N, C-alpha and C. Protein backbone atom coordinates (compact mmCIF):
# COMPACT_ATOMS: atom_id res chain seq x y z
N MET A 1 -4.01 -1.15 -17.71
CA MET A 1 -4.23 0.08 -16.95
C MET A 1 -3.55 1.28 -17.60
N ASP A 2 -2.72 1.01 -18.61
CA ASP A 2 -2.03 2.07 -19.33
C ASP A 2 -1.16 2.92 -18.41
N ILE A 3 -0.49 2.25 -17.46
CA ILE A 3 0.44 2.92 -16.56
C ILE A 3 1.85 2.45 -16.89
N HIS A 4 2.75 3.39 -17.05
CA HIS A 4 4.11 3.07 -17.45
C HIS A 4 5.10 3.73 -16.50
N ILE A 5 6.18 3.04 -16.18
CA ILE A 5 7.26 3.59 -15.37
C ILE A 5 8.50 3.67 -16.24
N THR A 6 9.06 4.87 -16.38
CA THR A 6 10.19 5.02 -17.28
C THR A 6 11.05 6.21 -16.85
N ALA A 7 12.32 6.13 -17.19
CA ALA A 7 13.23 7.26 -17.00
C ALA A 7 13.58 7.90 -18.34
N SER A 8 12.90 7.47 -19.40
CA SER A 8 13.21 7.93 -20.74
C SER A 8 12.25 9.05 -21.15
N LEU A 9 12.78 10.23 -21.37
CA LEU A 9 11.95 11.34 -21.84
C LEU A 9 11.34 11.04 -23.20
N ASN A 10 12.08 10.36 -24.06
CA ASN A 10 11.56 10.01 -25.38
C ASN A 10 10.32 9.13 -25.26
N GLN A 11 10.35 8.16 -24.34
CA GLN A 11 9.19 7.30 -24.18
C GLN A 11 8.00 8.09 -23.65
N ILE A 12 8.26 8.99 -22.72
CA ILE A 12 7.16 9.81 -22.17
C ILE A 12 6.51 10.61 -23.29
N VAL A 13 7.31 11.21 -24.15
CA VAL A 13 6.76 12.01 -25.25
C VAL A 13 5.97 11.13 -26.21
N ARG A 14 6.46 9.94 -26.51
CA ARG A 14 5.77 9.05 -27.45
C ARG A 14 4.46 8.51 -26.85
N LEU A 15 4.42 8.30 -25.54
CA LEU A 15 3.19 7.80 -24.92
C LEU A 15 2.03 8.75 -25.14
N ALA A 16 2.31 10.03 -25.20
CA ALA A 16 1.25 11.02 -25.40
C ALA A 16 0.57 10.88 -26.75
N GLN A 17 1.24 10.19 -27.69
CA GLN A 17 0.64 10.01 -29.01
C GLN A 17 -0.54 9.05 -28.97
N ALA A 18 -0.61 8.22 -27.91
CA ALA A 18 -1.71 7.26 -27.78
C ALA A 18 -2.92 7.87 -27.09
N GLY A 19 -2.82 9.13 -26.69
CA GLY A 19 -3.92 9.79 -25.99
C GLY A 19 -3.41 10.61 -24.83
N PRO A 20 -4.27 11.39 -24.22
CA PRO A 20 -3.83 12.26 -23.11
C PRO A 20 -3.24 11.43 -21.96
N LYS A 21 -2.17 11.92 -21.39
CA LYS A 21 -1.49 11.24 -20.29
C LYS A 21 -1.16 12.24 -19.19
N ILE A 22 -1.02 11.74 -17.99
CA ILE A 22 -0.54 12.52 -16.86
C ILE A 22 0.81 11.97 -16.46
N ALA A 23 1.81 12.84 -16.39
CA ALA A 23 3.14 12.42 -15.98
C ALA A 23 3.38 12.86 -14.55
N SER A 24 3.90 11.98 -13.74
CA SER A 24 4.20 12.31 -12.34
C SER A 24 5.51 11.66 -11.94
N VAL A 25 6.15 12.25 -10.94
CA VAL A 25 7.42 11.72 -10.45
C VAL A 25 7.16 10.45 -9.65
N TYR A 26 7.93 9.42 -9.92
CA TYR A 26 7.79 8.16 -9.19
C TYR A 26 8.33 8.34 -7.77
N ILE A 27 7.58 7.81 -6.80
CA ILE A 27 8.00 7.91 -5.40
C ILE A 27 9.08 6.86 -5.16
N THR A 28 10.31 7.32 -5.02
CA THR A 28 11.45 6.40 -4.94
C THR A 28 11.83 6.04 -3.51
N ASN A 29 11.33 6.81 -2.55
CA ASN A 29 11.71 6.56 -1.15
C ASN A 29 10.45 6.46 -0.29
N PRO A 30 9.57 5.50 -0.59
CA PRO A 30 8.30 5.41 0.14
C PRO A 30 8.50 4.87 1.56
N VAL A 31 7.60 5.27 2.44
CA VAL A 31 7.52 4.61 3.74
C VAL A 31 6.95 3.22 3.50
N LEU A 32 7.63 2.20 3.98
CA LEU A 32 7.26 0.81 3.71
C LEU A 32 6.63 0.18 4.95
N PHE A 33 5.90 -0.90 4.70
CA PHE A 33 5.24 -1.63 5.78
C PHE A 33 5.82 -3.04 5.81
N ASN A 34 6.18 -3.48 7.01
CA ASN A 34 6.79 -4.81 7.13
C ASN A 34 5.73 -5.89 7.21
N ARG A 35 5.68 -6.72 6.18
CA ARG A 35 4.85 -7.92 6.21
C ARG A 35 5.80 -9.08 6.52
N PRO A 36 5.73 -9.65 7.72
CA PRO A 36 6.73 -10.63 8.15
C PRO A 36 6.95 -11.77 7.18
N GLU A 37 5.89 -12.17 6.48
CA GLU A 37 6.01 -13.29 5.55
C GLU A 37 6.65 -12.89 4.23
N ILE A 38 6.80 -11.57 4.00
CA ILE A 38 7.31 -11.08 2.71
C ILE A 38 8.51 -10.15 2.89
N GLY A 39 8.38 -9.19 3.78
CA GLY A 39 9.40 -8.15 3.96
C GLY A 39 8.75 -6.79 3.87
N LEU A 40 9.55 -5.78 3.54
CA LEU A 40 9.08 -4.40 3.47
C LEU A 40 8.41 -4.15 2.13
N VAL A 41 7.13 -3.76 2.17
CA VAL A 41 6.35 -3.59 0.94
C VAL A 41 5.77 -2.17 0.87
N LYS A 42 5.44 -1.77 -0.33
CA LYS A 42 4.72 -0.52 -0.53
C LYS A 42 3.29 -0.66 -0.04
N PHE A 43 2.71 0.46 0.36
CA PHE A 43 1.29 0.48 0.69
C PHE A 43 0.73 1.85 0.37
N ASP A 44 -0.57 1.92 0.16
CA ASP A 44 -1.21 3.22 0.04
C ASP A 44 -2.40 3.28 0.98
N VAL A 45 -2.90 4.50 1.17
CA VAL A 45 -3.96 4.77 2.13
C VAL A 45 -5.09 5.50 1.41
N ARG A 46 -6.32 5.10 1.68
CA ARG A 46 -7.48 5.79 1.11
C ARG A 46 -8.31 6.42 2.22
N TYR A 47 -8.54 7.71 2.09
CA TYR A 47 -9.45 8.43 2.97
C TYR A 47 -10.69 8.84 2.19
N VAL A 48 -11.84 8.78 2.84
CA VAL A 48 -13.08 9.25 2.24
C VAL A 48 -13.35 10.66 2.75
N VAL A 49 -13.51 11.59 1.81
CA VAL A 49 -13.72 12.99 2.13
C VAL A 49 -15.13 13.39 1.72
N LEU A 50 -15.81 14.09 2.61
CA LEU A 50 -17.20 14.48 2.40
C LEU A 50 -17.28 15.99 2.26
N LEU A 51 -17.71 16.44 1.09
CA LEU A 51 -17.83 17.87 0.80
C LEU A 51 -19.30 18.26 0.96
N LYS A 52 -19.58 18.99 2.03
CA LYS A 52 -20.96 19.39 2.32
C LYS A 52 -21.32 20.72 1.67
N SER A 53 -20.36 21.61 1.58
CA SER A 53 -20.63 22.93 1.01
C SER A 53 -19.35 23.49 0.43
N VAL A 54 -19.50 24.22 -0.70
CA VAL A 54 -18.37 24.87 -1.33
C VAL A 54 -18.24 26.32 -0.87
N ASP A 55 -19.38 27.00 -0.73
CA ASP A 55 -19.37 28.41 -0.31
C ASP A 55 -20.48 28.65 0.71
N PRO A 56 -20.13 28.64 2.01
CA PRO A 56 -18.79 28.52 2.58
C PRO A 56 -18.29 27.08 2.52
N LEU A 57 -16.99 26.91 2.50
CA LEU A 57 -16.40 25.58 2.40
C LEU A 57 -16.60 24.82 3.70
N GLU A 58 -17.23 23.65 3.60
CA GLU A 58 -17.44 22.79 4.76
C GLU A 58 -17.05 21.37 4.36
N LEU A 59 -16.04 20.83 5.02
CA LEU A 59 -15.39 19.61 4.57
C LEU A 59 -15.16 18.68 5.75
N TYR A 60 -15.43 17.38 5.55
CA TYR A 60 -15.24 16.37 6.58
C TYR A 60 -14.45 15.21 6.02
N VAL A 61 -13.80 14.47 6.90
CA VAL A 61 -13.12 13.24 6.51
C VAL A 61 -13.63 12.11 7.39
N TYR A 62 -13.86 10.96 6.79
CA TYR A 62 -14.31 9.78 7.53
C TYR A 62 -13.12 9.24 8.33
N ASN A 63 -13.36 8.93 9.59
CA ASN A 63 -12.25 8.54 10.47
C ASN A 63 -11.66 7.18 10.14
N VAL A 64 -12.45 6.32 9.55
CA VAL A 64 -11.94 5.01 9.13
C VAL A 64 -11.27 5.18 7.77
N PHE A 65 -10.05 4.68 7.65
CA PHE A 65 -9.38 4.72 6.36
C PHE A 65 -9.04 3.30 5.92
N TRP A 66 -8.71 3.16 4.66
CA TRP A 66 -8.48 1.83 4.08
C TRP A 66 -7.07 1.73 3.52
N LEU A 67 -6.56 0.51 3.52
CA LEU A 67 -5.17 0.27 3.16
C LEU A 67 -5.06 -0.77 2.06
N ARG A 68 -4.06 -0.59 1.23
CA ARG A 68 -3.75 -1.58 0.19
C ARG A 68 -2.25 -1.81 0.19
N PHE A 69 -1.86 -3.06 -0.02
CA PHE A 69 -0.46 -3.45 0.13
C PHE A 69 0.05 -4.16 -1.12
N ALA A 70 1.30 -3.92 -1.43
CA ALA A 70 1.96 -4.73 -2.46
C ALA A 70 2.21 -6.13 -1.90
N ASN A 71 2.42 -7.07 -2.80
CA ASN A 71 2.60 -8.46 -2.39
C ASN A 71 4.05 -8.94 -2.49
N ARG A 72 4.95 -8.04 -2.90
CA ARG A 72 6.36 -8.42 -2.96
C ARG A 72 7.19 -7.29 -2.38
N SER A 73 8.34 -7.62 -1.82
CA SER A 73 9.18 -6.62 -1.16
C SER A 73 9.64 -5.58 -2.18
N PHE A 74 9.76 -4.35 -1.71
CA PHE A 74 10.04 -3.22 -2.59
C PHE A 74 11.52 -3.08 -2.88
N SER A 75 11.82 -2.75 -4.12
CA SER A 75 13.16 -2.34 -4.55
C SER A 75 13.00 -1.59 -5.85
N LEU A 76 13.99 -0.76 -6.16
CA LEU A 76 13.90 0.07 -7.36
C LEU A 76 14.44 -0.68 -8.58
N ASP A 77 13.78 -1.79 -8.86
CA ASP A 77 14.09 -2.56 -10.07
C ASP A 77 12.85 -3.38 -10.41
N GLY A 78 12.93 -4.12 -11.50
CA GLY A 78 11.81 -4.96 -11.89
C GLY A 78 10.51 -4.18 -12.00
N PHE A 79 10.54 -3.07 -12.73
CA PHE A 79 9.37 -2.20 -12.77
C PHE A 79 8.18 -2.81 -13.49
N ASP A 80 8.37 -3.93 -14.16
CA ASP A 80 7.24 -4.63 -14.76
C ASP A 80 6.61 -5.65 -13.81
N ASP A 81 7.12 -5.72 -12.60
CA ASP A 81 6.58 -6.63 -11.58
C ASP A 81 5.42 -5.92 -10.88
N TYR A 82 4.21 -6.23 -11.30
CA TYR A 82 3.03 -5.52 -10.80
C TYR A 82 2.91 -5.64 -9.28
N GLU A 83 3.10 -6.82 -8.74
CA GLU A 83 2.84 -7.04 -7.31
C GLU A 83 3.96 -6.47 -6.43
N LYS A 84 5.01 -5.96 -7.04
CA LYS A 84 6.05 -5.25 -6.28
C LYS A 84 5.79 -3.75 -6.26
N HIS A 85 5.38 -3.19 -7.40
CA HIS A 85 5.31 -1.74 -7.54
C HIS A 85 3.90 -1.19 -7.47
N PHE A 86 2.90 -2.04 -7.45
CA PHE A 86 1.52 -1.57 -7.35
C PHE A 86 0.87 -2.16 -6.10
N THR A 87 -0.16 -1.49 -5.63
CA THR A 87 -0.82 -1.92 -4.39
C THR A 87 -2.26 -2.35 -4.60
N VAL A 88 -2.82 -2.09 -5.78
CA VAL A 88 -4.23 -2.42 -6.03
C VAL A 88 -4.32 -3.86 -6.50
N MET A 89 -4.74 -4.75 -5.58
CA MET A 89 -4.80 -6.17 -5.89
C MET A 89 -6.24 -6.70 -6.05
N ASN A 90 -7.23 -5.86 -5.76
CA ASN A 90 -8.61 -6.36 -5.78
C ASN A 90 -9.14 -6.54 -7.19
N TYR A 91 -8.39 -6.15 -8.22
CA TYR A 91 -8.83 -6.37 -9.59
C TYR A 91 -8.07 -7.52 -10.25
N LYS A 92 -7.20 -8.19 -9.49
CA LYS A 92 -6.46 -9.34 -10.01
C LYS A 92 -6.99 -10.60 -9.32
N ASN A 93 -7.59 -11.48 -10.10
CA ASN A 93 -8.23 -12.65 -9.52
C ASN A 93 -7.26 -13.59 -8.82
N ASP A 94 -6.01 -13.63 -9.30
CA ASP A 94 -5.05 -14.58 -8.76
C ASP A 94 -4.13 -13.95 -7.72
N ALA A 95 -4.39 -12.68 -7.33
CA ALA A 95 -3.50 -11.98 -6.40
C ALA A 95 -4.02 -12.10 -4.97
N ASN A 96 -3.08 -12.15 -4.04
CA ASN A 96 -3.44 -12.16 -2.63
C ASN A 96 -3.81 -10.75 -2.19
N LEU A 97 -5.00 -10.59 -1.62
CA LEU A 97 -5.47 -9.28 -1.17
C LEU A 97 -5.37 -9.23 0.35
N LYS A 98 -4.36 -8.53 0.85
CA LYS A 98 -4.16 -8.45 2.29
C LYS A 98 -5.11 -7.42 2.89
N GLN A 99 -5.83 -7.81 3.93
CA GLN A 99 -6.77 -6.92 4.60
C GLN A 99 -6.25 -6.60 6.01
N VAL A 100 -6.14 -5.33 6.31
CA VAL A 100 -5.75 -4.88 7.65
C VAL A 100 -6.66 -3.72 8.03
N HIS A 101 -7.35 -3.83 9.16
CA HIS A 101 -8.20 -2.73 9.62
C HIS A 101 -7.32 -1.57 10.07
N CYS A 102 -7.85 -0.35 9.92
CA CYS A 102 -7.02 0.82 10.21
C CYS A 102 -6.55 0.86 11.67
N ASP A 103 -7.39 0.42 12.60
CA ASP A 103 -6.97 0.42 14.01
C ASP A 103 -5.79 -0.53 14.23
N GLU A 104 -5.87 -1.69 13.61
CA GLU A 104 -4.77 -2.66 13.70
C GLU A 104 -3.52 -2.12 13.02
N PHE A 105 -3.73 -1.46 11.88
CA PHE A 105 -2.60 -0.90 11.15
C PHE A 105 -1.87 0.15 11.98
N ILE A 106 -2.60 1.03 12.65
CA ILE A 106 -1.97 2.09 13.44
C ILE A 106 -1.04 1.49 14.49
N ALA A 107 -1.53 0.46 15.18
CA ALA A 107 -0.69 -0.18 16.21
C ALA A 107 0.56 -0.79 15.59
N MET A 108 0.42 -1.44 14.44
CA MET A 108 1.56 -2.06 13.78
C MET A 108 2.52 -1.01 13.24
N PHE A 109 1.98 0.07 12.68
CA PHE A 109 2.81 1.14 12.13
C PHE A 109 3.66 1.77 13.23
N GLU A 110 3.04 2.05 14.37
CA GLU A 110 3.78 2.70 15.46
C GLU A 110 4.78 1.74 16.10
N GLU A 111 4.54 0.46 15.99
CA GLU A 111 5.53 -0.51 16.46
C GLU A 111 6.74 -0.53 15.52
N GLN A 112 6.47 -0.41 14.23
CA GLN A 112 7.56 -0.42 13.25
C GLN A 112 8.30 0.91 13.20
N TYR A 113 7.58 2.01 13.47
CA TYR A 113 8.18 3.35 13.41
C TYR A 113 7.86 4.11 14.70
N PRO A 114 8.48 3.73 15.81
CA PRO A 114 8.13 4.32 17.11
C PRO A 114 8.39 5.82 17.20
N ASN A 115 9.23 6.36 16.34
CA ASN A 115 9.50 7.81 16.37
C ASN A 115 8.50 8.61 15.54
N HIS A 116 7.52 7.92 14.97
CA HIS A 116 6.56 8.58 14.09
C HIS A 116 5.14 8.17 14.48
N PRO A 117 4.58 8.76 15.54
CA PRO A 117 3.20 8.44 15.93
C PRO A 117 2.23 8.71 14.77
N TRP A 118 1.28 7.81 14.59
CA TRP A 118 0.34 7.96 13.48
C TRP A 118 -0.45 9.26 13.60
N GLU A 119 -0.72 9.70 14.81
CA GLU A 119 -1.45 10.95 15.01
C GLU A 119 -0.75 12.11 14.31
N ASN A 120 0.57 12.15 14.37
CA ASN A 120 1.32 13.21 13.71
C ASN A 120 1.26 13.08 12.20
N THR A 121 1.37 11.84 11.72
CA THR A 121 1.29 11.61 10.27
C THR A 121 -0.09 11.98 9.75
N GLN A 122 -1.12 11.60 10.49
CA GLN A 122 -2.48 11.91 10.04
C GLN A 122 -2.74 13.41 10.07
N GLU A 123 -2.15 14.12 10.99
CA GLU A 123 -2.28 15.58 11.00
C GLU A 123 -1.74 16.18 9.71
N CYS A 124 -0.62 15.66 9.23
CA CYS A 124 -0.06 16.12 7.95
C CYS A 124 -0.99 15.76 6.79
N ILE A 125 -1.58 14.56 6.86
CA ILE A 125 -2.51 14.13 5.81
C ILE A 125 -3.72 15.05 5.77
N PHE A 126 -4.29 15.34 6.94
CA PHE A 126 -5.47 16.20 6.99
C PHE A 126 -5.13 17.61 6.48
N SER A 127 -3.95 18.09 6.79
CA SER A 127 -3.53 19.40 6.28
C SER A 127 -3.46 19.39 4.76
N MET A 128 -2.94 18.31 4.20
CA MET A 128 -2.88 18.18 2.75
C MET A 128 -4.27 18.16 2.14
N LEU A 129 -5.21 17.43 2.77
CA LEU A 129 -6.58 17.35 2.27
C LEU A 129 -7.24 18.73 2.27
N LYS A 130 -7.01 19.50 3.33
CA LYS A 130 -7.58 20.85 3.39
C LYS A 130 -7.03 21.71 2.27
N GLU A 131 -5.71 21.67 2.08
CA GLU A 131 -5.09 22.47 1.02
C GLU A 131 -5.65 22.07 -0.34
N LEU A 132 -5.84 20.78 -0.55
CA LEU A 132 -6.35 20.27 -1.82
C LEU A 132 -7.72 20.84 -2.14
N PHE A 133 -8.64 20.79 -1.18
CA PHE A 133 -10.00 21.22 -1.47
C PHE A 133 -10.15 22.74 -1.43
N VAL A 134 -9.34 23.41 -0.65
CA VAL A 134 -9.33 24.88 -0.72
C VAL A 134 -8.93 25.32 -2.13
N ALA A 135 -7.90 24.66 -2.68
CA ALA A 135 -7.47 24.99 -4.03
C ALA A 135 -8.54 24.63 -5.06
N ALA A 136 -9.17 23.46 -4.89
CA ALA A 136 -10.16 22.99 -5.87
C ALA A 136 -11.40 23.87 -5.88
N CYS A 137 -11.69 24.52 -4.76
CA CYS A 137 -12.90 25.34 -4.67
C CYS A 137 -12.62 26.83 -4.82
N SER A 138 -11.39 27.19 -5.14
CA SER A 138 -11.01 28.60 -5.17
C SER A 138 -11.25 29.27 -6.51
N ALA A 139 -11.52 28.48 -7.55
CA ALA A 139 -11.73 29.05 -8.88
C ALA A 139 -13.11 28.66 -9.40
N PRO A 140 -13.72 29.49 -10.23
CA PRO A 140 -15.03 29.14 -10.81
C PRO A 140 -14.90 28.05 -11.86
N LEU A 141 -16.04 27.52 -12.27
CA LEU A 141 -16.04 26.54 -13.37
C LEU A 141 -15.41 27.16 -14.61
N PRO A 142 -14.74 26.36 -15.44
CA PRO A 142 -14.53 24.91 -15.31
C PRO A 142 -13.27 24.54 -14.54
N ALA A 143 -12.56 25.53 -14.03
CA ALA A 143 -11.29 25.24 -13.35
C ALA A 143 -11.50 24.69 -11.94
N GLY A 144 -12.61 25.05 -11.29
CA GLY A 144 -12.84 24.64 -9.91
C GLY A 144 -14.19 24.02 -9.71
N ILE A 145 -14.49 23.69 -8.45
CA ILE A 145 -15.78 23.11 -8.08
C ILE A 145 -16.75 24.25 -7.80
N ALA A 146 -17.87 24.26 -8.50
CA ALA A 146 -18.83 25.36 -8.37
C ALA A 146 -19.74 25.14 -7.16
N PRO A 147 -20.11 26.20 -6.45
CA PRO A 147 -21.03 26.06 -5.32
C PRO A 147 -22.46 25.82 -5.78
N ASN A 148 -23.16 24.97 -5.05
CA ASN A 148 -24.59 24.75 -5.28
C ASN A 148 -25.18 24.27 -3.96
N PRO A 149 -26.10 25.02 -3.35
CA PRO A 149 -26.60 24.65 -2.02
C PRO A 149 -27.36 23.33 -2.00
N GLN A 150 -27.75 22.82 -3.17
CA GLN A 150 -28.49 21.55 -3.22
C GLN A 150 -27.56 20.34 -3.38
N CYS A 151 -26.28 20.58 -3.58
CA CYS A 151 -25.37 19.49 -3.92
C CYS A 151 -24.47 19.12 -2.74
N ARG A 152 -24.13 17.85 -2.69
CA ARG A 152 -23.13 17.31 -1.77
C ARG A 152 -22.22 16.40 -2.59
N ALA A 153 -21.06 16.03 -2.04
CA ALA A 153 -20.16 15.17 -2.81
C ALA A 153 -19.35 14.30 -1.87
N ILE A 154 -19.00 13.11 -2.37
CA ILE A 154 -18.14 12.19 -1.65
C ILE A 154 -16.96 11.86 -2.56
N TYR A 155 -15.76 11.91 -1.99
CA TYR A 155 -14.54 11.64 -2.74
C TYR A 155 -13.69 10.62 -1.99
N ALA A 156 -12.96 9.83 -2.74
CA ALA A 156 -11.93 8.96 -2.16
C ALA A 156 -10.57 9.53 -2.56
N VAL A 157 -9.74 9.77 -1.57
CA VAL A 157 -8.42 10.33 -1.82
C VAL A 157 -7.38 9.25 -1.51
N ASP A 158 -6.61 8.87 -2.52
CA ASP A 158 -5.56 7.87 -2.36
C ASP A 158 -4.21 8.57 -2.22
N LEU A 159 -3.42 8.09 -1.28
CA LEU A 159 -2.13 8.72 -1.04
C LEU A 159 -1.11 7.69 -0.59
N MET A 160 0.15 8.06 -0.70
CA MET A 160 1.25 7.28 -0.15
C MET A 160 2.05 8.18 0.77
N LEU A 161 2.94 7.57 1.52
CA LEU A 161 3.82 8.30 2.42
C LEU A 161 5.26 8.17 1.93
N GLU A 162 5.98 9.29 1.99
CA GLU A 162 7.37 9.29 1.52
C GLU A 162 8.26 9.88 2.61
N TRP A 163 9.48 9.37 2.69
CA TRP A 163 10.45 9.91 3.62
C TRP A 163 11.05 11.18 3.06
N ASN A 164 11.06 12.24 3.86
CA ASN A 164 11.88 13.41 3.56
C ASN A 164 13.28 13.13 4.05
N LYS A 165 14.26 13.72 3.41
CA LYS A 165 15.65 13.43 3.77
C LYS A 165 15.95 13.86 5.20
N THR A 166 15.52 15.05 5.55
CA THR A 166 15.74 15.54 6.91
C THR A 166 14.53 16.32 7.36
N ASP A 167 14.33 16.35 8.63
CA ASP A 167 13.30 17.19 9.23
C ASP A 167 13.84 18.62 9.25
N PRO A 168 13.11 19.57 8.65
CA PRO A 168 13.64 20.94 8.60
C PRO A 168 13.96 21.51 9.98
N GLY A 169 13.32 21.00 11.03
CA GLY A 169 13.55 21.54 12.36
C GLY A 169 14.84 21.05 12.99
N THR A 170 15.24 19.82 12.68
CA THR A 170 16.40 19.24 13.35
C THR A 170 17.57 18.98 12.42
N HIS A 171 17.29 18.89 11.10
CA HIS A 171 18.31 18.55 10.11
C HIS A 171 18.97 17.21 10.48
N ASP A 172 18.19 16.35 11.09
CA ASP A 172 18.77 15.10 11.56
C ASP A 172 17.87 13.92 11.21
N HIS A 173 16.67 13.88 11.77
CA HIS A 173 15.79 12.75 11.59
C HIS A 173 14.89 12.94 10.37
N PRO A 174 14.68 11.89 9.59
CA PRO A 174 13.77 12.02 8.45
C PRO A 174 12.34 12.21 8.92
N SER A 175 11.56 12.91 8.14
CA SER A 175 10.15 13.10 8.45
C SER A 175 9.31 12.44 7.37
N ILE A 176 8.03 12.29 7.64
CA ILE A 176 7.12 11.62 6.72
C ILE A 176 6.23 12.67 6.06
N GLN A 177 6.13 12.58 4.75
CA GLN A 177 5.31 13.53 3.99
C GLN A 177 4.30 12.76 3.15
N PRO A 178 3.00 13.09 3.27
CA PRO A 178 2.01 12.44 2.41
C PRO A 178 2.14 12.92 0.97
N LYS A 179 1.91 11.99 0.05
CA LYS A 179 1.97 12.30 -1.37
C LYS A 179 0.64 11.90 -2.01
N LEU A 180 -0.02 12.86 -2.61
CA LEU A 180 -1.31 12.61 -3.24
C LEU A 180 -1.14 11.77 -4.50
N LEU A 181 -1.92 10.70 -4.60
CA LEU A 181 -1.90 9.87 -5.81
C LEU A 181 -3.05 10.25 -6.75
N GLU A 182 -4.28 10.17 -6.24
CA GLU A 182 -5.42 10.52 -7.08
C GLU A 182 -6.64 10.78 -6.21
N VAL A 183 -7.63 11.43 -6.82
CA VAL A 183 -8.91 11.71 -6.16
C VAL A 183 -10.02 11.13 -7.03
N ASN A 184 -10.89 10.33 -6.43
CA ASN A 184 -11.99 9.71 -7.15
C ASN A 184 -13.32 10.27 -6.66
N TYR A 185 -14.11 10.81 -7.59
CA TYR A 185 -15.44 11.30 -7.26
C TYR A 185 -16.43 10.14 -7.23
N CYS A 186 -17.28 10.11 -6.22
CA CYS A 186 -18.30 9.06 -6.08
C CYS A 186 -17.65 7.68 -6.22
N PRO A 187 -16.76 7.31 -5.32
CA PRO A 187 -15.92 6.12 -5.48
C PRO A 187 -16.68 4.82 -5.20
N ASP A 188 -16.06 3.72 -5.55
CA ASP A 188 -16.55 2.39 -5.22
C ASP A 188 -16.48 2.22 -3.69
N CYS A 189 -17.62 1.95 -3.07
CA CYS A 189 -17.67 1.85 -1.61
C CYS A 189 -18.05 0.44 -1.14
N VAL A 190 -17.85 -0.56 -2.01
CA VAL A 190 -18.23 -1.92 -1.66
C VAL A 190 -17.49 -2.40 -0.42
N ARG A 191 -16.18 -2.19 -0.39
CA ARG A 191 -15.39 -2.65 0.75
C ARG A 191 -15.77 -1.88 2.02
N ALA A 192 -16.04 -0.58 1.87
CA ALA A 192 -16.45 0.21 3.03
C ALA A 192 -17.73 -0.33 3.64
N CYS A 193 -18.70 -0.66 2.79
CA CYS A 193 -19.98 -1.17 3.30
C CYS A 193 -19.86 -2.59 3.84
N ARG A 194 -18.96 -3.38 3.26
CA ARG A 194 -18.81 -4.76 3.71
C ARG A 194 -18.29 -4.82 5.14
N TYR A 195 -17.33 -3.97 5.44
CA TYR A 195 -16.70 -4.02 6.76
C TYR A 195 -17.28 -3.01 7.75
N HIS A 196 -18.02 -2.03 7.21
CA HIS A 196 -18.64 -1.02 8.07
C HIS A 196 -20.06 -0.79 7.55
N PRO A 197 -21.00 -1.65 7.96
CA PRO A 197 -22.37 -1.61 7.40
C PRO A 197 -23.06 -0.26 7.58
N SER A 198 -22.66 0.53 8.55
CA SER A 198 -23.29 1.84 8.78
C SER A 198 -22.61 2.97 8.00
N PHE A 199 -21.71 2.62 7.11
CA PHE A 199 -20.92 3.63 6.40
C PHE A 199 -21.80 4.69 5.74
N PHE A 200 -22.77 4.27 4.91
CA PHE A 200 -23.57 5.25 4.20
C PHE A 200 -24.54 5.98 5.13
N ASN A 201 -24.94 5.35 6.23
CA ASN A 201 -25.72 6.08 7.23
C ASN A 201 -24.91 7.25 7.78
N HIS A 202 -23.63 7.00 8.06
CA HIS A 202 -22.76 8.06 8.56
C HIS A 202 -22.57 9.16 7.52
N VAL A 203 -22.40 8.75 6.26
CA VAL A 203 -22.21 9.72 5.18
C VAL A 203 -23.44 10.62 5.04
N PHE A 204 -24.64 10.01 5.02
CA PHE A 204 -25.85 10.80 4.83
C PHE A 204 -26.15 11.67 6.05
N GLU A 205 -25.87 11.17 7.24
CA GLU A 205 -26.05 11.99 8.44
C GLU A 205 -25.17 13.23 8.37
N THR A 206 -23.95 13.05 7.90
CA THR A 206 -23.01 14.17 7.83
C THR A 206 -23.40 15.17 6.76
N LEU A 207 -23.74 14.68 5.58
CA LEU A 207 -23.97 15.55 4.44
C LEU A 207 -25.35 16.18 4.41
N PHE A 208 -26.36 15.47 4.91
CA PHE A 208 -27.74 15.94 4.73
C PHE A 208 -28.49 16.22 6.02
N LEU A 209 -28.08 15.65 7.15
CA LEU A 209 -28.86 15.76 8.37
C LEU A 209 -28.15 16.53 9.48
N ASP A 210 -27.07 17.21 9.15
CA ASP A 210 -26.29 17.95 10.16
C ASP A 210 -25.93 17.07 11.34
N GLY A 211 -25.53 15.84 11.02
CA GLY A 211 -25.28 14.85 12.07
C GLY A 211 -24.22 15.24 13.07
N THR A 212 -23.24 16.02 12.63
CA THR A 212 -22.17 16.39 13.56
C THR A 212 -22.67 17.32 14.67
N ALA A 213 -23.84 17.92 14.48
CA ALA A 213 -24.38 18.84 15.48
C ALA A 213 -25.09 18.10 16.62
N TRP A 214 -25.55 16.87 16.34
CA TRP A 214 -26.34 16.17 17.37
C TRP A 214 -25.85 14.75 17.67
N ASN A 215 -24.95 14.21 16.85
CA ASN A 215 -24.46 12.84 17.06
C ASN A 215 -22.96 12.90 17.32
N SER A 216 -22.60 12.88 18.60
CA SER A 216 -21.18 12.98 18.97
C SER A 216 -20.42 11.70 18.63
N GLN A 217 -21.13 10.62 18.30
CA GLN A 217 -20.48 9.35 17.98
C GLN A 217 -20.22 9.19 16.49
N LEU A 218 -20.59 10.18 15.71
CA LEU A 218 -20.39 10.10 14.27
C LEU A 218 -18.89 10.05 13.95
N PRO A 219 -18.44 9.01 13.23
CA PRO A 219 -16.98 8.84 13.02
C PRO A 219 -16.43 9.70 11.89
N VAL A 220 -16.57 11.00 12.02
CA VAL A 220 -16.02 11.92 11.04
C VAL A 220 -15.28 13.04 11.77
N THR A 221 -14.35 13.66 11.06
CA THR A 221 -13.61 14.81 11.58
C THR A 221 -13.83 15.99 10.65
N LYS A 222 -14.18 17.13 11.22
CA LYS A 222 -14.37 18.32 10.40
C LYS A 222 -13.01 18.91 10.08
N LEU A 223 -12.74 19.10 8.79
CA LEU A 223 -11.49 19.68 8.34
C LEU A 223 -11.60 21.20 8.21
N ILE A 224 -12.74 21.63 7.65
CA ILE A 224 -13.00 23.07 7.47
C ILE A 224 -14.47 23.32 7.79
C-alpha cells in the first residue's frame, strides 16, 4: 500500500524519491472502540456524500454509514503491526472482518461514551463535510470542482475521531473532533449494496429524480 509511519524527517524526504507522496500527522489520540474479545481498537467511519449541483451547491449525505475496525488493541508502538494500526481488513484474505451496522454501533458507542451522544458527534462530522465541499467547489478548474448542470457525483469520505485535550467551553472535559482521512470519487459500493439492496435506488432518486421533494422516507440528509 506504500504507507509508512515514521518520526524521521530524513525518511520522509527520502520516500519522496520513489514518487509523489502525501505526508500527514499521525492521529495519536484516537477515539477507540471497545471490542470485548480484544480491547480498545481503532476504527474509522465512511460516509457517502452525494453532490447534486456545484452552482448552486447542493449536497446530501446518506444516513447509513459504514465502519471498519482494527483487529488488535491500540497502542503507540509496533507500527509495522497492520492489524493494530490499520482498519481496512477487507483486502486481507486471512484477516477477521468485523461487521457492525451503524444503528448497532451508535447504541454501543453511546454506552461506551455516555457523555458524547452520537448525534453531537455526527453534527460535527456533517459540519466538516460541508466545509470540505464548500472549499472544493470554491475555485475553478483545475483547483476545484467545476459546475456542470448535466453532472452528478458520489463520494465516499473516510474519517476517524480524535480526542481534543479540552473542550474550549469548559476547559475540563475532552471533546471529539472528526479527522478527514481521504475522499474517494465513485467508490466501491459492494458492501453498501450487499447490506442495503436499495442503496443505488436511493442515490439515483436523490441525484436525478428530486427524491427529497416527494419521498420523505429517503434516507439522506441535506447538508447544503
